[in-house]
Amino acid sequence: MSRTVNCVLLKKEAEGLDYAPYPGELGVRIYENVSKEAWQQWLGHQTMLINEYRLTPIEPEARKFLVTEMEKFFFGGGSAKPTEFVPE
C-alpha cells in the first residue's frame, strides 16, 4: 500500500516517495513533504539547470548549487529558470 503526503509543491494529498531521495535532514524533509509527482518535476528542473549552466554534478560547487536550488524549489518559493532558458 502506498503512502500519501500533503505535498508542499502540489498543495494537495498525493502519493509519497518510497524512500528519502537525498541524505540527511533535507532528504527526510523531502520524504515527508514531497510527492512522487513533485519529485519528478524537480528532476526535470534539475536536468535543465545542469544543462543550461553546464554543471558537472560531481564537482562540489555544482552539487552545493543544486542542493540550494532543490531547497528553494520545494521549500523556498521556487527555483527560477536561467534567464537565457528558452523552452523547446
PDB file of N, CA and C in Angstrom:
ATOM      1  N   MET A   1       0.846  -1.185   0.000  1.00  0.00           N
ATOM      2  CA  MET A   1       0.000   0.000   0.000  1.00  0.00           C
ATOM      3  C   MET A   1       0.885   1.240   0.000  1.00  0.00           C
ATOM      4  N   SER A   2       0.625   2.164  -0.890  1.00  0.00           N
ATOM      5  CA  SER A   2       1.450   3.359  -0.982  1.00  0.00           C
ATOM      6  C   SER A   2       1.032   4.377   0.079  1.00  0.00           C
ATOM      7  N   ARG A   3       1.970   5.181   0.452  1.00  0.00           N
ATOM      8  CA  ARG A   3       1.701   6.212   1.444  1.00  0.00           C
ATOM      9  C   ARG A   3       1.397   7.523   0.739  1.00  0.00           C
ATOM     10  N   THR A   4       0.677   8.389   1.411  1.00  0.00           N
ATOM     11  CA  THR A   4       0.384   9.700   0.843  1.00  0.00           C
ATOM     12  C   THR A   4       0.992  10.782   1.722  1.00  0.00           C
ATOM     13  N   VAL A   5       1.267  11.899   1.095  1.00  0.00           N
ATOM     14  CA  VAL A   5       1.786  13.068   1.801  1.00  0.00           C
ATOM     15  C   VAL A   5       0.982  14.274   1.352  1.00  0.00           C
ATOM     16  N   ASN A   6       0.976  15.277   2.191  1.00  0.00           N
ATOM     17  CA  ASN A   6       0.412  16.561   1.798  1.00  0.00           C
ATOM     18  C   ASN A   6       1.550  17.313   1.116  1.00  0.00           C
ATOM     19  N   CYS A   7       1.600  17.245  -0.201  1.00  0.00           N
ATOM     20  CA  CYS A   7       2.738  17.739  -0.978  1.00  0.00           C
ATOM     21  C   CYS A   7       2.857  19.262  -0.907  1.00  0.00           C
ATOM     22  N   VAL A   8       4.042  19.734  -0.508  1.00  0.00           N
ATOM     23  CA  VAL A   8       4.271  21.168  -0.392  1.00  0.00           C
ATOM     24  C   VAL A   8       4.304  21.861  -1.758  1.00  0.00           C
ATOM     25  N   LEU A   9       4.635  21.135  -2.793  1.00  0.00           N
ATOM     26  CA  LEU A   9       4.705  21.743  -4.121  1.00  0.00           C
ATOM     27  C   LEU A   9       3.345  21.738  -4.814  1.00  0.00           C
ATOM     28  N   LEU A  10       2.663  20.609  -4.769  1.00  0.00           N
ATOM     29  CA  LEU A  10       1.380  20.482  -5.464  1.00  0.00           C
ATOM     30  C   LEU A  10       0.214  21.015  -4.638  1.00  0.00           C
ATOM     31  N   LYS A  11       0.447  21.223  -3.347  1.00  0.00           N
ATOM     32  CA  LYS A  11      -0.587  21.731  -2.431  1.00  0.00           C
ATOM     33  C   LYS A  11      -1.800  20.811  -2.368  1.00  0.00           C
ATOM     34  N   LYS A  12      -1.532  19.488  -2.353  1.00  0.00           N
ATOM     35  CA  LYS A  12      -2.614  18.511  -2.250  1.00  0.00           C
ATOM     36  C   LYS A  12      -2.051  17.190  -1.757  1.00  0.00           C
ATOM     37  N   GLU A  13      -2.947  16.307  -1.349  1.00  0.00           N
ATOM     38  CA  GLU A  13      -2.549  14.951  -0.974  1.00  0.00           C
ATOM     39  C   GLU A  13      -2.163  14.196  -2.247  1.00  0.00           C
ATOM     40  N   ALA A  14      -1.030  13.517  -2.178  1.00  0.00           N
ATOM     41  CA  ALA A  14      -0.558  12.771  -3.338  1.00  0.00           C
ATOM     42  C   ALA A  14       0.331  11.622  -2.856  1.00  0.00           C
ATOM     43  N   GLU A  15       0.608  10.700  -3.770  1.00  0.00           N
ATOM     44  CA  GLU A  15       1.432   9.544  -3.429  1.00  0.00           C
ATOM     45  C   GLU A  15       2.834   9.991  -3.039  1.00  0.00           C
ATOM     46  N   GLY A  16       3.291   9.495  -1.884  1.00  0.00           N
ATOM     47  CA  GLY A  16       4.609   9.857  -1.375  1.00  0.00           C
ATOM     48  C   GLY A  16       5.715   9.023  -1.979  1.00  0.00           C
ATOM     49  N   LEU A  17       6.922   9.466  -1.758  1.00  0.00           N
ATOM     50  CA  LEU A  17       8.111   8.758  -2.218  1.00  0.00           C
ATOM     51  C   LEU A  17       8.280   7.456  -1.442  1.00  0.00           C
ATOM     52  N   ASP A  18       8.969   6.499  -2.030  1.00  0.00           N
ATOM     53  CA  ASP A  18       9.200   5.212  -1.391  1.00  0.00           C
ATOM     54  C   ASP A  18      10.343   5.266  -0.382  1.00  0.00           C
ATOM     55  N   TYR A  19      11.246   6.227  -0.546  1.00  0.00           N
ATOM     56  CA  TYR A  19      12.407   6.373   0.338  1.00  0.00           C
ATOM     57  C   TYR A  19      12.906   7.810   0.238  1.00  0.00           C
ATOM     58  N   ALA A  20      13.727   8.208   1.183  1.00  0.00           N
ATOM     59  CA  ALA A  20      14.316   9.554   1.147  1.00  0.00           C
ATOM     60  C   ALA A  20      15.268   9.634  -0.041  1.00  0.00           C
ATOM     61  N   PRO A  21      15.051  10.563  -0.961  1.00  0.00           N
ATOM     62  CA  PRO A  21      15.852  10.615  -2.178  1.00  0.00           C
ATOM     63  C   PRO A  21      17.188  11.335  -2.022  1.00  0.00           C
ATOM     64  N   TYR A  22      17.424  11.869  -0.840  1.00  0.00           N
ATOM     65  CA  TYR A  22      18.651  12.615  -0.584  1.00  0.00           C
ATOM     66  C   TYR A  22      19.050  12.353   0.864  1.00  0.00           C
ATOM     67  N   PRO A  23      20.331  12.314   1.182  1.00  0.00           N
ATOM     68  CA  PRO A  23      20.737  12.014   2.559  1.00  0.00           C
ATOM     69  C   PRO A  23      20.485  13.180   3.516  1.00  0.00           C
ATOM     70  N   GLY A  24      20.467  12.874   4.781  1.00  0.00           N
ATOM     71  CA  GLY A  24      20.415  13.894   5.815  1.00  0.00           C
ATOM     72  C   GLY A  24      19.033  14.479   6.058  1.00  0.00           C
ATOM     73  N   GLU A  25      19.049  15.606   6.761  1.00  0.00           N
ATOM     74  CA  GLU A  25      17.811  16.276   7.156  1.00  0.00           C
ATOM     75  C   GLU A  25      16.977  16.708   5.954  1.00  0.00           C
ATOM     76  N   LEU A  26      17.626  17.213   4.904  1.00  0.00           N
ATOM     77  CA  LEU A  26      16.885  17.630   3.718  1.00  0.00           C
ATOM     78  C   LEU A  26      16.166  16.439   3.087  1.00  0.00           C
ATOM     79  N   GLY A  27      16.820  15.304   3.029  1.00  0.00           N
ATOM     80  CA  GLY A  27      16.188  14.105   2.484  1.00  0.00           C
ATOM     81  C   GLY A  27      14.963  13.684   3.276  1.00  0.00           C
ATOM     82  N   VAL A  28      15.041  13.798   4.601  1.00  0.00           N
ATOM     83  CA  VAL A  28      13.903  13.460   5.448  1.00  0.00           C
ATOM     84  C   VAL A  28      12.754  14.434   5.201  1.00  0.00           C
ATOM     85  N   ARG A  29      13.056  15.728   5.109  1.00  0.00           N
ATOM     86  CA  ARG A  29      12.014  16.730   4.824  1.00  0.00           C
ATOM     87  C   ARG A  29      11.337  16.446   3.487  1.00  0.00           C
ATOM     88  N   ILE A  30      12.134  16.102   2.482  1.00  0.00           N
ATOM     89  CA  ILE A  30      11.573  15.793   1.162  1.00  0.00           C
ATOM     90  C   ILE A  30      10.697  14.547   1.253  1.00  0.00           C
ATOM     91  N   TYR A  31      11.188  13.511   1.904  1.00  0.00           N
ATOM     92  CA  TYR A  31      10.433  12.270   2.050  1.00  0.00           C
ATOM     93  C   TYR A  31       9.084  12.512   2.721  1.00  0.00           C
ATOM     94  N   GLU A  32       9.060  13.365   3.731  1.00  0.00           N
ATOM     95  CA  GLU A  32       7.841  13.611   4.498  1.00  0.00           C
ATOM     96  C   GLU A  32       6.886  14.596   3.835  1.00  0.00           C
ATOM     97  N   ASN A  33       7.374  15.428   2.900  1.00  0.00           N
ATOM     98  CA  ASN A  33       6.557  16.530   2.391  1.00  0.00           C
ATOM     99  C   ASN A  33       6.436  16.638   0.880  1.00  0.00           C
ATOM    100  N   VAL A  34       7.072  15.752   0.136  1.00  0.00           N
ATOM    101  CA  VAL A  34       7.099  15.874  -1.326  1.00  0.00           C
ATOM    102  C   VAL A  34       6.551  14.588  -1.950  1.00  0.00           C
ATOM    103  N   SER A  35       5.698  14.747  -2.934  1.00  0.00           N
ATOM    104  CA  SER A  35       5.106  13.595  -3.626  1.00  0.00           C
ATOM    105  C   SER A  35       6.024  13.101  -4.744  1.00  0.00           C
ATOM    106  N   LYS A  36       5.701  11.905  -5.227  1.00  0.00           N
ATOM    107  CA  LYS A  36       6.446  11.351  -6.365  1.00  0.00           C
ATOM    108  C   LYS A  36       6.348  12.272  -7.580  1.00  0.00           C
ATOM    109  N   GLU A  37       5.160  12.790  -7.823  1.00  0.00           N
ATOM    110  CA  GLU A  37       4.962  13.682  -8.974  1.00  0.00           C
ATOM    111  C   GLU A  37       5.824  14.930  -8.849  1.00  0.00           C
ATOM    112  N   ALA A  38       5.853  15.530  -7.668  1.00  0.00           N
ATOM    113  CA  ALA A  38       6.659  16.733  -7.458  1.00  0.00           C
ATOM    114  C   ALA A  38       8.148  16.419  -7.579  1.00  0.00           C
ATOM    115  N   TRP A  39       8.564  15.248  -7.101  1.00  0.00           N
ATOM    116  CA  TRP A  39       9.969  14.865  -7.227  1.00  0.00           C
ATOM    117  C   TRP A  39      10.347  14.738  -8.699  1.00  0.00           C
ATOM    118  N   GLN A  40       9.459  14.188  -9.518  1.00  0.00           N
ATOM    119  CA  GLN A  40       9.726  14.088 -10.956  1.00  0.00           C
ATOM    120  C   GLN A  40       9.853  15.481 -11.579  1.00  0.00           C
ATOM    121  N   GLN A  41       9.042  16.426 -11.114  1.00  0.00           N
ATOM    122  CA  GLN A  41       9.154  17.808 -11.598  1.00  0.00           C
ATOM    123  C   GLN A  41      10.520  18.373 -11.250  1.00  0.00           C
ATOM    124  N   TRP A  42      10.982  18.091 -10.022  1.00  0.00           N
ATOM    125  CA  TRP A  42      12.308  18.565  -9.628  1.00  0.00           C
ATOM    126  C   TRP A  42      13.388  17.953 -10.515  1.00  0.00           C
ATOM    127  N   LEU A  43      13.311  16.652 -10.794  1.00  0.00           N
ATOM    128  CA  LEU A  43      14.329  16.013 -11.623  1.00  0.00           C
ATOM    129  C   LEU A  43      14.410  16.667 -13.000  1.00  0.00           C
ATOM    130  N   GLY A  44      13.269  17.029 -13.575  1.00  0.00           N
ATOM    131  CA  GLY A  44      13.269  17.734 -14.854  1.00  0.00           C
ATOM    132  C   GLY A  44      13.894  19.117 -14.728  1.00  0.00           C
ATOM    133  N   HIS A  45      13.556  19.822 -13.651  1.00  0.00           N
ATOM    134  CA  HIS A  45      14.109  21.165 -13.423  1.00  0.00           C
ATOM    135  C   HIS A  45      15.622  21.074 -13.189  1.00  0.00           C
ATOM    136  N   GLN A  46      16.035  20.069 -12.406  1.00  0.00           N
ATOM    137  CA  GLN A  46      17.460  19.881 -12.145  1.00  0.00           C
ATOM    138  C   GLN A  46      18.225  19.604 -13.435  1.00  0.00           C
ATOM    139  N   THR A  47      17.663  18.773 -14.293  1.00  0.00           N
ATOM    140  CA  THR A  47      18.304  18.480 -15.580  1.00  0.00           C
ATOM    141  C   THR A  47      18.467  19.745 -16.403  1.00  0.00           C
ATOM    142  N   MET A  48      17.431  20.582 -16.404  1.00  0.00           N
ATOM    143  CA  MET A  48      17.512  21.853 -17.131  1.00  0.00           C
ATOM    144  C   MET A  48      18.612  22.733 -16.543  1.00  0.00           C
ATOM    145  N   LEU A  49      18.711  22.800 -15.210  1.00  0.00           N
ATOM    146  CA  LEU A  49      19.757  23.611 -14.575  1.00  0.00           C
ATOM    147  C   LEU A  49      21.143  23.091 -14.942  1.00  0.00           C
ATOM    148  N   ILE A  50      21.318  21.772 -14.894  1.00  0.00           N
ATOM    149  CA  ILE A  50      22.610  21.173 -15.240  1.00  0.00           C
ATOM    150  C   ILE A  50      22.983  21.507 -16.676  1.00  0.00           C
ATOM    151  N   ASN A  51      22.028  21.380 -17.585  1.00  0.00           N
ATOM    152  CA  ASN A  51      22.309  21.641 -18.997  1.00  0.00           C
ATOM    153  C   ASN A  51      22.552  23.119 -19.265  1.00  0.00           C
ATOM    154  N   GLU A  52      21.689  23.988 -18.748  1.00  0.00           N
ATOM    155  CA  GLU A  52      21.796  25.420 -19.042  1.00  0.00           C
ATOM    156  C   GLU A  52      23.038  26.051 -18.421  1.00  0.00           C
ATOM    157  N   TYR A  53      23.384  25.626 -17.218  1.00  0.00           N
ATOM    158  CA  TYR A  53      24.564  26.178 -16.547  1.00  0.00           C
ATOM    159  C   TYR A  53      25.815  25.348 -16.794  1.00  0.00           C
ATOM    160  N   ARG A  54      25.663  24.284 -17.591  1.00  0.00           N
ATOM    161  CA  ARG A  54      26.778  23.397 -17.916  1.00  0.00           C
ATOM    162  C   ARG A  54      27.500  22.930 -16.651  1.00  0.00           C
ATOM    163  N   LEU A  55      26.707  22.403 -15.726  1.00  0.00           N
ATOM    164  CA  LEU A  55      27.243  21.937 -14.454  1.00  0.00           C
ATOM    165  C   LEU A  55      27.772  20.522 -14.573  1.00  0.00           C
ATOM    166  N   THR A  56      28.762  20.225 -13.764  1.00  0.00           N
ATOM    167  CA  THR A  56      29.263  18.869 -13.609  1.00  0.00           C
ATOM    168  C   THR A  56      28.902  18.449 -12.191  1.00  0.00           C
ATOM    169  N   PRO A  57      27.861  17.618 -12.033  1.00  0.00           N
ATOM    170  CA  PRO A  57      27.343  17.305 -10.700  1.00  0.00           C
ATOM    171  C   PRO A  57      28.347  16.684  -9.728  1.00  0.00           C
ATOM    172  N   ILE A  58      29.457  16.171 -10.225  1.00  0.00           N
ATOM    173  CA  ILE A  58      30.452  15.590  -9.324  1.00  0.00           C
ATOM    174  C   ILE A  58      31.282  16.679  -8.631  1.00  0.00           C
ATOM    175  N   GLU A  59      31.286  17.884  -9.181  1.00  0.00           N
ATOM    176  CA  GLU A  59      32.052  18.985  -8.581  1.00  0.00           C
ATOM    177  C   GLU A  59      31.316  19.523  -7.354  1.00  0.00           C
ATOM    178  N   PRO A  60      32.031  19.738  -6.260  1.00  0.00           N
ATOM    179  CA  PRO A  60      31.391  20.203  -5.016  1.00  0.00           C
ATOM    180  C   PRO A  60      30.591  21.498  -5.175  1.00  0.00           C
ATOM    181  N   GLU A  61      31.074  22.455  -5.925  1.00  0.00           N
ATOM    182  CA  GLU A  61      30.345  23.721  -6.096  1.00  0.00           C
ATOM    183  C   GLU A  61      29.034  23.515  -6.856  1.00  0.00           C
ATOM    184  N   ALA A  62      29.067  22.648  -7.857  1.00  0.00           N
ATOM    185  CA  ALA A  62      27.846  22.352  -8.619  1.00  0.00           C
ATOM    186  C   ALA A  62      26.831  21.641  -7.734  1.00  0.00           C
ATOM    187  N   ARG A  63      27.294  20.697  -6.917  1.00  0.00           N
ATOM    188  CA  ARG A  63      26.385  19.985  -6.012  1.00  0.00           C
ATOM    189  C   ARG A  63      25.794  20.930  -4.981  1.00  0.00           C
ATOM    190  N   LYS A  64      26.614  21.822  -4.458  1.00  0.00           N
ATOM    191  CA  LYS A  64      26.121  22.797  -3.476  1.00  0.00           C
ATOM    192  C   LYS A  64      25.044  23.675  -4.114  1.00  0.00           C
ATOM    193  N   PHE A  65      25.276  24.111  -5.344  1.00  0.00           N
ATOM    194  CA  PHE A  65      24.295  24.919  -6.067  1.00  0.00           C
ATOM    195  C   PHE A  65      22.991  24.149  -6.254  1.00  0.00           C
ATOM    196  N   LEU A  66      23.087  22.882  -6.673  1.00  0.00           N
ATOM    197  CA  LEU A  66      21.887  22.079  -6.911  1.00  0.00           C
ATOM    198  C   LEU A  66      21.108  21.807  -5.626  1.00  0.00           C
ATOM    199  N   VAL A  67      21.806  21.603  -4.520  1.00  0.00           N
ATOM    200  CA  VAL A  67      21.127  21.389  -3.238  1.00  0.00           C
ATOM    201  C   VAL A  67      20.386  22.664  -2.834  1.00  0.00           C
ATOM    202  N   THR A  68      21.032  23.807  -3.008  1.00  0.00           N
ATOM    203  CA  THR A  68      20.389  25.089  -2.694  1.00  0.00           C
ATOM    204  C   THR A  68      19.144  25.287  -3.555  1.00  0.00           C
ATOM    205  N   GLU A  69      19.245  24.983  -4.837  1.00  0.00           N
ATOM    206  CA  GLU A  69      18.106  25.129  -5.737  1.00  0.00           C
ATOM    207  C   GLU A  69      16.993  24.130  -5.394  1.00  0.00           C
ATOM    208  N   MET A  70      17.374  22.918  -4.969  1.00  0.00           N
ATOM    209  CA  MET A  70      16.383  21.918  -4.582  1.00  0.00           C
ATOM    210  C   MET A  70      15.607  22.409  -3.359  1.00  0.00           C
ATOM    211  N   GLU A  71      16.304  22.972  -2.386  1.00  0.00           N
ATOM    212  CA  GLU A  71      15.623  23.514  -1.207  1.00  0.00           C
ATOM    213  C   GLU A  71      14.677  24.642  -1.599  1.00  0.00           C
ATOM    214  N   LYS A  72      15.134  25.527  -2.473  1.00  0.00           N
ATOM    215  CA  LYS A  72      14.273  26.626  -2.928  1.00  0.00           C
ATOM    216  C   LYS A  72      13.083  26.095  -3.713  1.00  0.00           C
ATOM    217  N   PHE A  73      13.292  25.084  -4.545  1.00  0.00           N
ATOM    218  CA  PHE A  73      12.240  24.509  -5.377  1.00  0.00           C
ATOM    219  C   PHE A  73      11.093  23.993  -4.520  1.00  0.00           C
ATOM    220  N   PHE A  74      11.413  23.288  -3.441  1.00  0.00           N
ATOM    221  CA  PHE A  74      10.379  22.687  -2.603  1.00  0.00           C
ATOM    222  C   PHE A  74       9.931  23.553  -1.432  1.00  0.00           C
ATOM    223  N   PHE A  75      10.855  24.242  -0.794  1.00  0.00           N
ATOM    224  CA  PHE A  75      10.540  24.877   0.478  1.00  0.00           C
ATOM    225  C   PHE A  75      10.781  26.384   0.517  1.00  0.00           C
ATOM    226  N   GLY A  76      11.241  26.975  -0.580  1.00  0.00           N
ATOM    227  CA  GLY A  76      11.618  28.378  -0.522  1.00  0.00           C
ATOM    228  C   GLY A  76      11.006  29.257  -1.583  1.00  0.00           C
ATOM    229  N   GLY A  77       9.881  28.888  -2.109  1.00  0.00           N
ATOM    230  CA  GLY A  77       9.229  29.744  -3.087  1.00  0.00           C
ATOM    231  C   GLY A  77       9.584  29.470  -4.535  1.00  0.00           C
ATOM    232  N   GLY A  78      10.383  28.451  -4.787  1.00  0.00           N
ATOM    233  CA  GLY A  78      10.655  28.057  -6.167  1.00  0.00           C
ATOM    234  C   GLY A  78      12.062  28.357  -6.618  1.00  0.00           C
ATOM    235  N   SER A  79      12.503  27.619  -7.594  1.00  0.00           N
ATOM    236  CA  SER A  79      13.818  27.779  -8.201  1.00  0.00           C
ATOM    237  C   SER A  79      13.603  28.338  -9.601  1.00  0.00           C
ATOM    238  N   ALA A  80      14.186  29.500  -9.851  1.00  0.00           N
ATOM    239  CA  ALA A  80      13.970  30.176 -11.135  1.00  0.00           C
ATOM    240  C   ALA A  80      14.755  29.510 -12.261  1.00  0.00           C
ATOM    241  N   LYS A  81      14.195  29.591 -13.437  1.00  0.00           N
ATOM    242  CA  LYS A  81      14.904  29.120 -14.622  1.00  0.00           C
ATOM    243  C   LYS A  81      15.959  30.171 -14.990  1.00  0.00           C
ATOM    244  N   PRO A  82      17.048  29.764 -15.614  1.00  0.00           N
ATOM    245  CA  PRO A  82      18.042  30.732 -16.081  1.00  0.00           C
ATOM    246  C   PRO A  82      17.394  31.724 -17.057  1.00  0.00           C
ATOM    247  N   THR A  83      17.839  32.956 -17.028  1.00  0.00           N
ATOM    248  CA  THR A  83      17.242  33.983 -17.888  1.00  0.00           C
ATOM    249  C   THR A  83      17.409  33.647 -19.366  1.00  0.00           C
ATOM    250  N   GLU A  84      18.445  32.887 -19.712  1.00  0.00           N
ATOM    251  CA  GLU A  84      18.699  32.543 -21.104  1.00  0.00           C
ATOM    252  C   GLU A  84      17.887  31.338 -21.576  1.00  0.00           C
ATOM    253  N   PHE A  85      17.204  30.668 -20.650  1.00  0.00           N
ATOM    254  CA  PHE A  85      16.494  29.433 -20.981  1.00  0.00           C
ATOM    255  C   PHE A  85      15.331  29.705 -21.934  1.00  0.00           C
ATOM    256  N   VAL A  86      15.289  28.931 -23.028  1.00  0.00           N
ATOM    257  CA  VAL A  86      14.200  29.009 -23.997  1.00  0.00           C
ATOM    258  C   VAL A  86      13.639  27.592 -24.129  1.00  0.00           C
ATOM    259  N   PRO A  87      12.380  27.376 -23.683  1.00  0.00           N
ATOM    260  CA  PRO A  87      11.804  26.029 -23.808  1.00  0.00           C
ATOM    261  C   PRO A  87      11.667  25.618 -25.257  1.00  0.00           C
ATOM    262  N   GLU A  88      11.765  24.302 -25.503  1.00  0.00           N
ATOM    263  CA  GLU A  88      11.652  23.793 -26.877  1.00  0.00           C
ATOM    264  C   GLU A  88      10.228  23.894 -27.378  1.00  0.00           C
TER     265      GLU A  88
END
